[in-house]
All heavy atoms as atom14 arrays in JSON, in Angstrom:
{
  "sequence": "VVVAMFGWLFWEITRAAFDTSLAPEDSGIGLIAPGVAIGLISIVTNIL",
  "atom14_mask": [
    [1, 1, 1, 1, 1, 1, 1, 0, 0, 0, 0, 0, 0, 0],
    [1, 1, 1, 1, 1, 1, 1, 0, 0, 0, 0, 0, 0, 0],
    [1, 1, 1, 1, 1, 1, 1, 0, 0, 0, 0, 0, 0, 0],
    [1, 1, 1, 1, 1, 0, 0, 0, 0, 0, 0, 0, 0, 0],
    [1, 1, 1, 1, 1, 1, 1, 1, 0, 0, 0, 0, 0, 0],
    [1, 1, 1, 1, 1, 1, 1, 1, 1, 1, 1, 0, 0, 0],
    [1, 1, 1, 1, 0, 0, 0, 0, 0, 0, 0, 0, 0, 0],
    [1, 1, 1, 1, 1, 1, 1, 1, 1, 1, 1, 1, 1, 1],
    [1, 1, 1, 1, 1, 1, 1, 1, 0, 0, 0, 0, 0, 0],
    [1, 1, 1, 1, 1, 1, 1, 1, 1, 1, 1, 0, 0, 0],
    [1, 1, 1, 1, 1, 1, 1, 1, 1, 1, 1, 1, 1, 1],
    [1, 1, 1, 1, 1, 1, 1, 1, 1, 0, 0, 0, 0, 0],
    [1, 1, 1, 1, 1, 1, 1, 1, 0, 0, 0, 0, 0, 0],
    [1, 1, 1, 1, 1, 1, 1, 0, 0, 0, 0, 0, 0, 0],
    [1, 1, 1, 1, 1, 1, 1, 1, 1, 1, 1, 0, 0, 0],
    [1, 1, 1, 1, 1, 0, 0, 0, 0, 0, 0, 0, 0, 0],
    [1, 1, 1, 1, 1, 0, 0, 0, 0, 0, 0, 0, 0, 0],
    [1, 1, 1, 1, 1, 1, 1, 1, 1, 1, 1, 0, 0, 0],
    [1, 1, 1, 1, 1, 1, 1, 1, 0, 0, 0, 0, 0, 0],
    [1, 1, 1, 1, 1, 1, 1, 0, 0, 0, 0, 0, 0, 0],
    [1, 1, 1, 1, 1, 1, 0, 0, 0, 0, 0, 0, 0, 0],
    [1, 1, 1, 1, 1, 1, 1, 1, 0, 0, 0, 0, 0, 0],
    [1, 1, 1, 1, 1, 0, 0, 0, 0, 0, 0, 0, 0, 0],
    [1, 1, 1, 1, 1, 1, 1, 0, 0, 0, 0, 0, 0, 0],
    [1, 1, 1, 1, 1, 1, 1, 1, 1, 0, 0, 0, 0, 0],
    [1, 1, 1, 1, 1, 1, 1, 1, 0, 0, 0, 0, 0, 0],
    [1, 1, 1, 1, 1, 1, 0, 0, 0, 0, 0, 0, 0, 0],
    [1, 1, 1, 1, 0, 0, 0, 0, 0, 0, 0, 0, 0, 0],
    [1, 1, 1, 1, 1, 1, 1, 1, 0, 0, 0, 0, 0, 0],
    [1, 1, 1, 1, 0, 0, 0, 0, 0, 0, 0, 0, 0, 0],
    [1, 1, 1, 1, 1, 1, 1, 1, 0, 0, 0, 0, 0, 0],
    [1, 1, 1, 1, 1, 1, 1, 1, 0, 0, 0, 0, 0, 0],
    [1, 1, 1, 1, 1, 0, 0, 0, 0, 0, 0, 0, 0, 0],
    [1, 1, 1, 1, 1, 1, 1, 0, 0, 0, 0, 0, 0, 0],
    [1, 1, 1, 1, 0, 0, 0, 0, 0, 0, 0, 0, 0, 0],
    [1, 1, 1, 1, 1, 1, 1, 0, 0, 0, 0, 0, 0, 0],
    [1, 1, 1, 1, 1, 0, 0, 0, 0, 0, 0, 0, 0, 0],
    [1, 1, 1, 1, 1, 1, 1, 1, 0, 0, 0, 0, 0, 0],
    [1, 1, 1, 1, 0, 0, 0, 0, 0, 0, 0, 0, 0, 0],
    [1, 1, 1, 1, 1, 1, 1, 1, 0, 0, 0, 0, 0, 0],
    [1, 1, 1, 1, 1, 1, 1, 1, 0, 0, 0, 0, 0, 0],
    [1, 1, 1, 1, 1, 1, 0, 0, 0, 0, 0, 0, 0, 0],
    [1, 1, 1, 1, 1, 1, 1, 1, 0, 0, 0, 0, 0, 0],
    [1, 1, 1, 1, 1, 1, 1, 0, 0, 0, 0, 0, 0, 0],
    [1, 1, 1, 1, 1, 1, 1, 0, 0, 0, 0, 0, 0, 0],
    [1, 1, 1, 1, 1, 1, 1, 1, 0, 0, 0, 0, 0, 0],
    [1, 1, 1, 1, 1, 1, 1, 1, 0, 0, 0, 0, 0, 0],
    [1, 1, 1, 1, 1, 1, 1, 1, 0, 0, 0, 0, 0, 0]
  ],
  "atom14_positions": [
    [[-11.81, -2.08, -17.41], [-11.45, -3.01, -16.34], [-10.16, -2.58, -15.65], [-10.07, -2.58, -14.41], [-11.32, -4.44, -16.91], [-10.72, -5.38, -15.85], [-12.65, -4.97, -17.38], [0.0, 0.0, 0.0], [0.0, 0.0, 0.0], [0.0, 0.0, 0.0], [0.0, 0.0, 0.0], [0.0, 0.0, 0.0], [0.0, 0.0, 0.0], [0.0, 0.0, 0.0]],
    [[-9.16, -2.21, -16.42], [-7.87, -1.8, -15.84], [-8.04, -0.53, -15.01], [-7.51, -0.43, -13.88], [-6.82, -1.62, -16.95], [-5.56, -0.98, -16.38], [-6.48, -2.96, -17.58], [0.0, 0.0, 0.0], [0.0, 0.0, 0.0], [0.0, 0.0, 0.0], [0.0, 0.0, 0.0], [0.0, 0.0, 0.0], [0.0, 0.0, 0.0], [0.0, 0.0, 0.0]],
    [[-8.76, 0.45, -15.55], [-8.96, 1.7, -14.79], [-9.72, 1.43, -13.51], [-9.38, 1.96, -12.42], [-9.71, 2.73, -15.67], [-10.16, 3.92, -14.84], [-8.82, 3.2, -16.81], [0.0, 0.0, 0.0], [0.0, 0.0, 0.0], [0.0, 0.0, 0.0], [0.0, 0.0, 0.0], [0.0, 0.0, 0.0], [0.0, 0.0, 0.0], [0.0, 0.0, 0.0]],
    [[-10.74, 0.58, -13.59], [-11.52, 0.28, -12.39], [-10.67, -0.45, -11.36], [-10.71, -0.13, -10.15], [-12.74, -0.56, -12.76], [0.0, 0.0, 0.0], [0.0, 0.0, 0.0], [0.0, 0.0, 0.0], [0.0, 0.0, 0.0], [0.0, 0.0, 0.0], [0.0, 0.0, 0.0], [0.0, 0.0, 0.0], [0.0, 0.0, 0.0], [0.0, 0.0, 0.0]],
    [[-9.91, -1.44, -11.83], [-9.08, -2.2, -10.9], [-8.01, -1.33, -10.25], [-7.76, -1.39, -9.04], [-8.43, -3.38, -11.63], [-9.37, -4.54, -11.85], [-9.83, -5.3, -10.27], [-10.81, -6.69, -10.87], [0.0, 0.0, 0.0], [0.0, 0.0, 0.0], [0.0, 0.0, 0.0], [0.0, 0.0, 0.0], [0.0, 0.0, 0.0], [0.0, 0.0, 0.0]],
    [[-7.36, -0.49, -11.03], [-6.31, 0.36, -10.46], [-6.91, 1.48, -9.62], [-6.29, 1.93, -8.64], [-5.43, 0.93, -11.57], [-4.3, 0.01, -11.97], [-4.46, -0.89, -13.01], [-3.1, 0.05, -11.29], [-3.43, -1.75, -13.36], [-2.06, -0.8, -11.65], [-2.23, -1.7, -12.69], [0.0, 0.0, 0.0], [0.0, 0.0, 0.0], [0.0, 0.0, 0.0]],
    [[-8.1, 1.94, -9.97], [-8.77, 2.91, -9.1], [-9.08, 2.33, -7.74], [-8.84, 2.97, -6.7], [0.0, 0.0, 0.0], [0.0, 0.0, 0.0], [0.0, 0.0, 0.0], [0.0, 0.0, 0.0], [0.0, 0.0, 0.0], [0.0, 0.0, 0.0], [0.0, 0.0, 0.0], [0.0, 0.0, 0.0], [0.0, 0.0, 0.0], [0.0, 0.0, 0.0]],
    [[-9.59, 1.1, -7.77], [-9.85, 0.42, -6.5], [-8.54, 0.16, -5.76], [-8.47, 0.32, -4.54], [-10.57, -0.89, -6.78], [-10.7, -1.77, -5.57], [-11.52, -1.58, -4.5], [-9.98, -2.98, -5.33], [-11.36, -2.59, -3.58], [-10.41, -3.48, -4.07], [-9.02, -3.69, -6.05], [-9.91, -4.65, -3.53], [-8.54, -4.86, -5.5], [-8.98, -5.33, -4.26]],
    [[-7.48, -0.21, -6.49], [-6.19, -0.48, -5.85], [-5.61, 0.77, -5.21], [-5.12, 0.74, -4.06], [-5.22, -1.04, -6.89], [-3.81, -1.38, -6.39], [-3.85, -2.47, -5.33], [-2.92, -1.82, -7.56], [0.0, 0.0, 0.0], [0.0, 0.0, 0.0], [0.0, 0.0, 0.0], [0.0, 0.0, 0.0], [0.0, 0.0, 0.0], [0.0, 0.0, 0.0]],
    [[-5.68, 1.92, -5.9], [-5.15, 3.16, -5.33], [-5.96, 3.59, -4.1], [-5.41, 4.16, -3.15], [-5.16, 4.27, -6.39], [-4.0, 4.19, -7.34], [-4.21, 4.0, -8.7], [-2.7, 4.31, -6.88], [-3.15, 3.92, -9.58], [-1.63, 4.23, -7.76], [-1.85, 4.04, -9.12], [0.0, 0.0, 0.0], [0.0, 0.0, 0.0], [0.0, 0.0, 0.0]],
    [[-7.24, 3.32, -4.14], [-8.06, 3.64, -2.97], [-7.6, 2.83, -1.77], [-7.44, 3.34, -0.66], [-9.52, 3.38, -3.29], [-10.42, 3.38, -2.08], [-10.95, 2.33, -1.43], [-10.86, 4.54, -1.37], [-11.7, 2.72, -0.36], [-11.67, 4.09, -0.29], [-10.65, 5.92, -1.52], [-12.27, 4.97, 0.61], [-11.25, 6.79, -0.62], [-12.05, 6.3, 0.43]],
    [[-7.35, 1.53, -2.0], [-6.9, 0.68, -0.91], [-5.49, 1.06, -0.45], [-5.16, 0.99, 0.74], [-6.93, -0.79, -1.35], [-8.33, -1.34, -1.56], [-9.12, -1.34, -0.26], [-8.52, -1.57, 0.82], [-10.35, -1.12, -0.31], [0.0, 0.0, 0.0], [0.0, 0.0, 0.0], [0.0, 0.0, 0.0], [0.0, 0.0, 0.0], [0.0, 0.0, 0.0]],
    [[-4.64, 1.45, -1.4], [-3.28, 1.86, -1.03], [-3.32, 3.13, -0.18], [-2.57, 3.28, 0.8], [-2.44, 2.08, -2.3], [-2.17, 0.74, -2.99], [-1.13, 2.78, -1.97], [-1.45, 0.88, -4.31], [0.0, 0.0, 0.0], [0.0, 0.0, 0.0], [0.0, 0.0, 0.0], [0.0, 0.0, 0.0], [0.0, 0.0, 0.0], [0.0, 0.0, 0.0]],
    [[-4.2, 4.05, -0.55], [-4.32, 5.29, 0.23], [-4.76, 4.99, 1.65], [-4.25, 5.57, 2.63], [-5.31, 6.24, -0.46], [-4.88, 6.49, -1.79], [-5.4, 7.56, 0.3], [0.0, 0.0, 0.0], [0.0, 0.0, 0.0], [0.0, 0.0, 0.0], [0.0, 0.0, 0.0], [0.0, 0.0, 0.0], [0.0, 0.0, 0.0], [0.0, 0.0, 0.0]],
    [[-5.69, 4.11, 1.8], [-6.13, 3.73, 3.14], [-5.01, 3.06, 3.91], [-4.8, 3.32, 5.1], [-7.32, 2.78, 3.04], [-8.63, 3.43, 2.58], [-9.74, 2.39, 2.52], [-9.83, 1.7, 3.8], [-10.43, 0.52, 3.97], [-10.95, -0.1, 2.92], [-10.49, -0.04, 5.16], [0.0, 0.0, 0.0], [0.0, 0.0, 0.0], [0.0, 0.0, 0.0]],
    [[-4.26, 2.17, 3.22], [-3.2, 1.44, 3.92], [-2.05, 2.35, 4.32], [-1.33, 2.06, 5.29], [-2.7, 0.31, 3.02], [0.0, 0.0, 0.0], [0.0, 0.0, 0.0], [0.0, 0.0, 0.0], [0.0, 0.0, 0.0], [0.0, 0.0, 0.0], [0.0, 0.0, 0.0], [0.0, 0.0, 0.0], [0.0, 0.0, 0.0], [0.0, 0.0, 0.0]],
    [[-1.85, 3.42, 3.54], [-0.72, 4.3, 3.84], [-0.87, 4.97, 5.2], [0.14, 5.32, 5.85], [-0.58, 5.36, 2.76], [0.0, 0.0, 0.0], [0.0, 0.0, 0.0], [0.0, 0.0, 0.0], [0.0, 0.0, 0.0], [0.0, 0.0, 0.0], [0.0, 0.0, 0.0], [0.0, 0.0, 0.0], [0.0, 0.0, 0.0], [0.0, 0.0, 0.0]],
    [[-2.11, 5.16, 5.64], [-2.35, 5.81, 6.93], [-2.78, 4.82, 8.0], [-3.23, 5.21, 9.07], [-3.43, 6.9, 6.77], [-3.03, 7.99, 5.84], [-3.45, 7.98, 4.51], [-2.22, 9.04, 6.26], [-3.09, 8.98, 3.64], [-1.86, 10.05, 5.4], [-2.28, 10.02, 4.08], [0.0, 0.0, 0.0], [0.0, 0.0, 0.0], [0.0, 0.0, 0.0]],
    [[-2.62, 3.54, 7.73], [-3.01, 2.51, 8.69], [-1.77, 2.07, 9.45], [-0.93, 1.33, 8.94], [-3.66, 1.33, 7.97], [-4.28, 0.34, 8.95], [-4.13, 0.55, 10.17], [-4.91, -0.63, 8.47], [0.0, 0.0, 0.0], [0.0, 0.0, 0.0], [0.0, 0.0, 0.0], [0.0, 0.0, 0.0], [0.0, 0.0, 0.0], [0.0, 0.0, 0.0]],
    [[-1.63, 2.54, 10.7], [-0.45, 2.21, 11.5], [-0.52, 0.82, 12.09], [0.48, 0.32, 12.62], [-0.31, 3.22, 12.64], [-1.51, 3.19, 13.45], [-0.11, 4.63, 12.1], [0.0, 0.0, 0.0], [0.0, 0.0, 0.0], [0.0, 0.0, 0.0], [0.0, 0.0, 0.0], [0.0, 0.0, 0.0], [0.0, 0.0, 0.0], [0.0, 0.0, 0.0]],
    [[-1.65, 0.17, 11.94], [-1.77, -1.18, 12.5], [-1.0, -2.21, 11.7], [-0.81, -3.34, 12.14], [-3.25, -1.6, 12.57], [-3.81, -1.68, 11.26], [0.0, 0.0, 0.0], [0.0, 0.0, 0.0], [0.0, 0.0, 0.0], [0.0, 0.0, 0.0], [0.0, 0.0, 0.0], [0.0, 0.0, 0.0], [0.0, 0.0, 0.0], [0.0, 0.0, 0.0]],
    [[-0.53, -1.84, 10.49], [0.22, -2.78, 9.67], [1.62, -3.03, 10.22], [2.27, -4.0, 9.86], [0.31, -2.26, 8.22], [-1.01, -2.19, 7.46], [-0.8, -1.54, 6.11], [-1.61, -3.58, 7.32], [0.0, 0.0, 0.0], [0.0, 0.0, 0.0], [0.0, 0.0, 0.0], [0.0, 0.0, 0.0], [0.0, 0.0, 0.0], [0.0, 0.0, 0.0]],
    [[2.12, -2.12, 11.12], [3.46, -2.27, 11.69], [3.35, -2.52, 13.19], [2.5, -1.93, 13.86], [4.3, -1.03, 11.42], [0.0, 0.0, 0.0], [0.0, 0.0, 0.0], [0.0, 0.0, 0.0], [0.0, 0.0, 0.0], [0.0, 0.0, 0.0], [0.0, 0.0, 0.0], [0.0, 0.0, 0.0], [0.0, 0.0, 0.0], [0.0, 0.0, 0.0]],
    [[4.16, -3.36, 13.74], [4.15, -3.57, 15.19], [4.49, -2.27, 15.92], [5.19, -1.4, 15.4], [5.24, -4.64, 15.4], [5.38, -5.3, 14.07], [5.09, -4.25, 13.06], [0.0, 0.0, 0.0], [0.0, 0.0, 0.0], [0.0, 0.0, 0.0], [0.0, 0.0, 0.0], [0.0, 0.0, 0.0], [0.0, 0.0, 0.0], [0.0, 0.0, 0.0]],
    [[3.96, -2.15, 17.15], [4.14, -0.91, 17.89], [5.6, -0.65, 18.26], [6.03, 0.48, 18.38], [3.28, -0.95, 19.16], [1.79, -0.98, 18.87], [0.99, -1.0, 20.16], [1.62, -1.03, 21.24], [-0.25, -0.98, 20.08], [0.0, 0.0, 0.0], [0.0, 0.0, 0.0], [0.0, 0.0, 0.0], [0.0, 0.0, 0.0], [0.0, 0.0, 0.0]],
    [[6.37, -1.71, 18.47], [7.75, -1.54, 18.89], [8.73, -1.44, 17.73], [9.93, -1.43, 17.93], [8.17, -2.69, 19.79], [8.0, -4.04, 19.1], [7.34, -4.07, 18.04], [8.53, -5.05, 19.62], [0.0, 0.0, 0.0], [0.0, 0.0, 0.0], [0.0, 0.0, 0.0], [0.0, 0.0, 0.0], [0.0, 0.0, 0.0], [0.0, 0.0, 0.0]],
    [[8.21, -1.4, 16.48], [9.09, -1.31, 15.31], [9.2, 0.12, 14.85], [8.25, 0.9, 14.97], [8.57, -2.18, 14.17], [7.32, -1.69, 13.73], [0.0, 0.0, 0.0], [0.0, 0.0, 0.0], [0.0, 0.0, 0.0], [0.0, 0.0, 0.0], [0.0, 0.0, 0.0], [0.0, 0.0, 0.0], [0.0, 0.0, 0.0], [0.0, 0.0, 0.0]],
    [[10.32, 0.48, 14.3], [10.5, 1.81, 13.76], [10.04, 1.9, 12.32], [9.87, 0.9, 11.63], [0.0, 0.0, 0.0], [0.0, 0.0, 0.0], [0.0, 0.0, 0.0], [0.0, 0.0, 0.0], [0.0, 0.0, 0.0], [0.0, 0.0, 0.0], [0.0, 0.0, 0.0], [0.0, 0.0, 0.0], [0.0, 0.0, 0.0], [0.0, 0.0, 0.0]],
    [[9.83, 3.11, 11.87], [9.41, 3.36, 10.49], [10.65, 3.42, 9.62], [11.57, 4.2, 9.87], [8.6, 4.65, 10.4], [7.37, 4.58, 11.3], [8.22, 4.91, 8.95], [6.43, 3.46, 10.94], [0.0, 0.0, 0.0], [0.0, 0.0, 0.0], [0.0, 0.0, 0.0], [0.0, 0.0, 0.0], [0.0, 0.0, 0.0], [0.0, 0.0, 0.0]],
    [[10.72, 2.61, 8.59], [11.87, 2.58, 7.69], [11.8, 3.67, 6.66], [11.13, 4.71, 6.83], [0.0, 0.0, 0.0], [0.0, 0.0, 0.0], [0.0, 0.0, 0.0], [0.0, 0.0, 0.0], [0.0, 0.0, 0.0], [0.0, 0.0, 0.0], [0.0, 0.0, 0.0], [0.0, 0.0, 0.0], [0.0, 0.0, 0.0], [0.0, 0.0, 0.0]],
    [[12.52, 3.44, 5.55], [12.56, 4.43, 4.47], [11.17, 4.66, 3.89], [10.82, 5.77, 3.52], [13.54, 3.98, 3.39], [13.73, 4.92, 2.2], [14.32, 6.24, 2.69], [14.63, 4.28, 1.15], [0.0, 0.0, 0.0], [0.0, 0.0, 0.0], [0.0, 0.0, 0.0], [0.0, 0.0, 0.0], [0.0, 0.0, 0.0], [0.0, 0.0, 0.0]],
    [[10.39, 3.59, 3.75], [9.04, 3.67, 3.19], [8.09, 3.09, 4.23], [8.36, 2.04, 4.84], [8.93, 2.9, 1.88], [9.92, 3.45, 0.85], [7.52, 2.96, 1.32], [9.95, 2.69, -0.44], [0.0, 0.0, 0.0], [0.0, 0.0, 0.0], [0.0, 0.0, 0.0], [0.0, 0.0, 0.0], [0.0, 0.0, 0.0], [0.0, 0.0, 0.0]],
    [[6.98, 3.77, 4.41], [5.99, 3.29, 5.37], [5.49, 1.92, 4.95], [5.38, 1.63, 3.75], [4.83, 4.27, 5.45], [0.0, 0.0, 0.0], [0.0, 0.0, 0.0], [0.0, 0.0, 0.0], [0.0, 0.0, 0.0], [0.0, 0.0, 0.0], [0.0, 0.0, 0.0], [0.0, 0.0, 0.0], [0.0, 0.0, 0.0], [0.0, 0.0, 0.0]],
    [[5.15, 1.05, 5.9], [4.7, -0.3, 5.56], [3.5, -0.32, 4.62], [3.45, -1.1, 3.67], [4.37, -0.9, 6.92], [5.2, -0.15, 7.89], [5.29, 1.25, 7.36], [0.0, 0.0, 0.0], [0.0, 0.0, 0.0], [0.0, 0.0, 0.0], [0.0, 0.0, 0.0], [0.0, 0.0, 0.0], [0.0, 0.0, 0.0], [0.0, 0.0, 0.0]],
    [[2.54, 0.55, 4.84], [1.38, 0.58, 3.96], [1.72, 0.99, 2.55], [1.21, 0.43, 1.57], [0.0, 0.0, 0.0], [0.0, 0.0, 0.0], [0.0, 0.0, 0.0], [0.0, 0.0, 0.0], [0.0, 0.0, 0.0], [0.0, 0.0, 0.0], [0.0, 0.0, 0.0], [0.0, 0.0, 0.0], [0.0, 0.0, 0.0], [0.0, 0.0, 0.0]],
    [[2.63, 1.97, 2.44], [3.05, 2.41, 1.11], [3.84, 1.32, 0.4], [3.69, 1.08, -0.8], [3.88, 3.7, 1.23], [4.42, 4.11, -0.14], [3.05, 4.82, 1.83], [0.0, 0.0, 0.0], [0.0, 0.0, 0.0], [0.0, 0.0, 0.0], [0.0, 0.0, 0.0], [0.0, 0.0, 0.0], [0.0, 0.0, 0.0], [0.0, 0.0, 0.0]],
    [[4.71, 0.62, 1.15], [5.5, -0.45, 0.55], [4.6, -1.56, 0.01], [4.8, -2.06, -1.11], [6.47, -1.02, 1.59], [0.0, 0.0, 0.0], [0.0, 0.0, 0.0], [0.0, 0.0, 0.0], [0.0, 0.0, 0.0], [0.0, 0.0, 0.0], [0.0, 0.0, 0.0], [0.0, 0.0, 0.0], [0.0, 0.0, 0.0], [0.0, 0.0, 0.0]],
    [[3.6, -1.93, 0.8], [2.66, -2.96, 0.33], [1.91, -2.46, -0.91], [1.69, -3.2, -1.87], [1.69, -3.33, 1.45], [2.45, -4.01, 2.6], [0.59, -4.24, 0.94], [1.59, -4.31, 3.81], [0.0, 0.0, 0.0], [0.0, 0.0, 0.0], [0.0, 0.0, 0.0], [0.0, 0.0, 0.0], [0.0, 0.0, 0.0], [0.0, 0.0, 0.0]],
    [[1.58, -1.19, -0.91], [0.88, -0.64, -2.06], [1.72, -0.64, -3.32], [1.25, -0.96, -4.42], [0.0, 0.0, 0.0], [0.0, 0.0, 0.0], [0.0, 0.0, 0.0], [0.0, 0.0, 0.0], [0.0, 0.0, 0.0], [0.0, 0.0, 0.0], [0.0, 0.0, 0.0], [0.0, 0.0, 0.0], [0.0, 0.0, 0.0], [0.0, 0.0, 0.0]],
    [[3.0, -0.26, -3.19], [3.88, -0.26, -4.36], [4.08, -1.67, -4.91], [4.12, -1.87, -6.13], [5.23, 0.35, -3.98], [5.21, 1.86, -3.66], [6.6, 2.32, -3.23], [4.74, 2.65, -4.88], [0.0, 0.0, 0.0], [0.0, 0.0, 0.0], [0.0, 0.0, 0.0], [0.0, 0.0, 0.0], [0.0, 0.0, 0.0], [0.0, 0.0, 0.0]],
    [[4.22, -2.63, -3.99], [4.34, -4.02, -4.46], [3.08, -4.43, -5.22], [3.16, -5.08, -6.27], [4.59, -4.96, -3.26], [5.97, -4.67, -2.66], [4.47, -6.41, -3.68], [6.24, -5.46, -1.39], [0.0, 0.0, 0.0], [0.0, 0.0, 0.0], [0.0, 0.0, 0.0], [0.0, 0.0, 0.0], [0.0, 0.0, 0.0], [0.0, 0.0, 0.0]],
    [[1.94, -4.04, -4.71], [0.67, -4.37, -5.38], [0.58, -3.71, -6.76], [0.09, -4.3, -7.72], [-0.51, -3.94, -4.51], [-0.5, -4.62, -3.27], [0.0, 0.0, 0.0], [0.0, 0.0, 0.0], [0.0, 0.0, 0.0], [0.0, 0.0, 0.0], [0.0, 0.0, 0.0], [0.0, 0.0, 0.0], [0.0, 0.0, 0.0], [0.0, 0.0, 0.0]],
    [[1.05, -2.46, -6.87], [1.0, -1.75, -8.16], [1.86, -2.45, -9.19], [1.43, -2.71, -10.33], [1.44, -0.28, -7.97], [0.39, 0.5, -7.18], [1.67, 0.38, -9.33], [0.8, 1.92, -6.84], [0.0, 0.0, 0.0], [0.0, 0.0, 0.0], [0.0, 0.0, 0.0], [0.0, 0.0, 0.0], [0.0, 0.0, 0.0], [0.0, 0.0, 0.0]],
    [[3.11, -2.76, -8.8], [4.01, -3.43, -9.75], [3.44, -4.79, -10.16], [3.44, -5.15, -11.35], [5.41, -3.58, -9.13], [6.3, -4.43, -10.04], [6.04, -2.22, -8.9], [0.0, 0.0, 0.0], [0.0, 0.0, 0.0], [0.0, 0.0, 0.0], [0.0, 0.0, 0.0], [0.0, 0.0, 0.0], [0.0, 0.0, 0.0], [0.0, 0.0, 0.0]],
    [[2.94, -5.51, -9.18], [2.37, -6.83, -9.49], [1.19, -6.73, -10.45], [1.09, -7.49, -11.41], [1.93, -7.53, -8.19], [3.05, -7.64, -7.31], [1.37, -8.91, -8.48], [0.0, 0.0, 0.0], [0.0, 0.0, 0.0], [0.0, 0.0, 0.0], [0.0, 0.0, 0.0], [0.0, 0.0, 0.0], [0.0, 0.0, 0.0], [0.0, 0.0, 0.0]],
    [[0.3, -5.78, -10.22], [-0.88, -5.64, -11.07], [-0.53, -5.12, -12.46], [-1.19, -5.47, -13.44], [-1.91, -4.73, -10.4], [-2.7, -5.45, -9.33], [-3.72, -6.09, -9.61], [-2.24, -5.36, -8.07], [0.0, 0.0, 0.0], [0.0, 0.0, 0.0], [0.0, 0.0, 0.0], [0.0, 0.0, 0.0], [0.0, 0.0, 0.0], [0.0, 0.0, 0.0]],
    [[0.5, -4.25, -12.53], [0.92, -3.79, -13.86], [1.39, -4.96, -14.7], [1.0, -5.13, -15.87], [2.03, -2.72, -13.74], [1.43, -1.41, -13.21], [2.69, -2.48, -15.09], [2.48, -0.33, -12.96], [0.0, 0.0, 0.0], [0.0, 0.0, 0.0], [0.0, 0.0, 0.0], [0.0, 0.0, 0.0], [0.0, 0.0, 0.0], [0.0, 0.0, 0.0]],
    [[2.25, -5.79, -14.11], [2.72, -6.97, -14.84], [1.57, -7.93, -15.14], [1.5, -8.53, -16.21], [3.8, -7.68, -14.02], [5.09, -6.89, -13.78], [6.04, -7.67, -12.88], [5.76, -6.55, -15.11], [0.0, 0.0, 0.0], [0.0, 0.0, 0.0], [0.0, 0.0, 0.0], [0.0, 0.0, 0.0], [0.0, 0.0, 0.0], [0.0, 0.0, 0.0]]
  ]
}
C-alpha cells in the first residue's frame, strides 16, 4: 500500500513540477518551483 501510494504520489509530483499553470503568469519563480513545493509538502504529509 505504501509503495503504491508513494508511487502514485511521485507520478503526480512529477507532472506538477512541469505544470506552469500552478503559478500566476505575472508571478516570478521563487527558490522552489510551485509544483515541486506542493509535491514536497505532500511527501512530508504522507510520510507522517
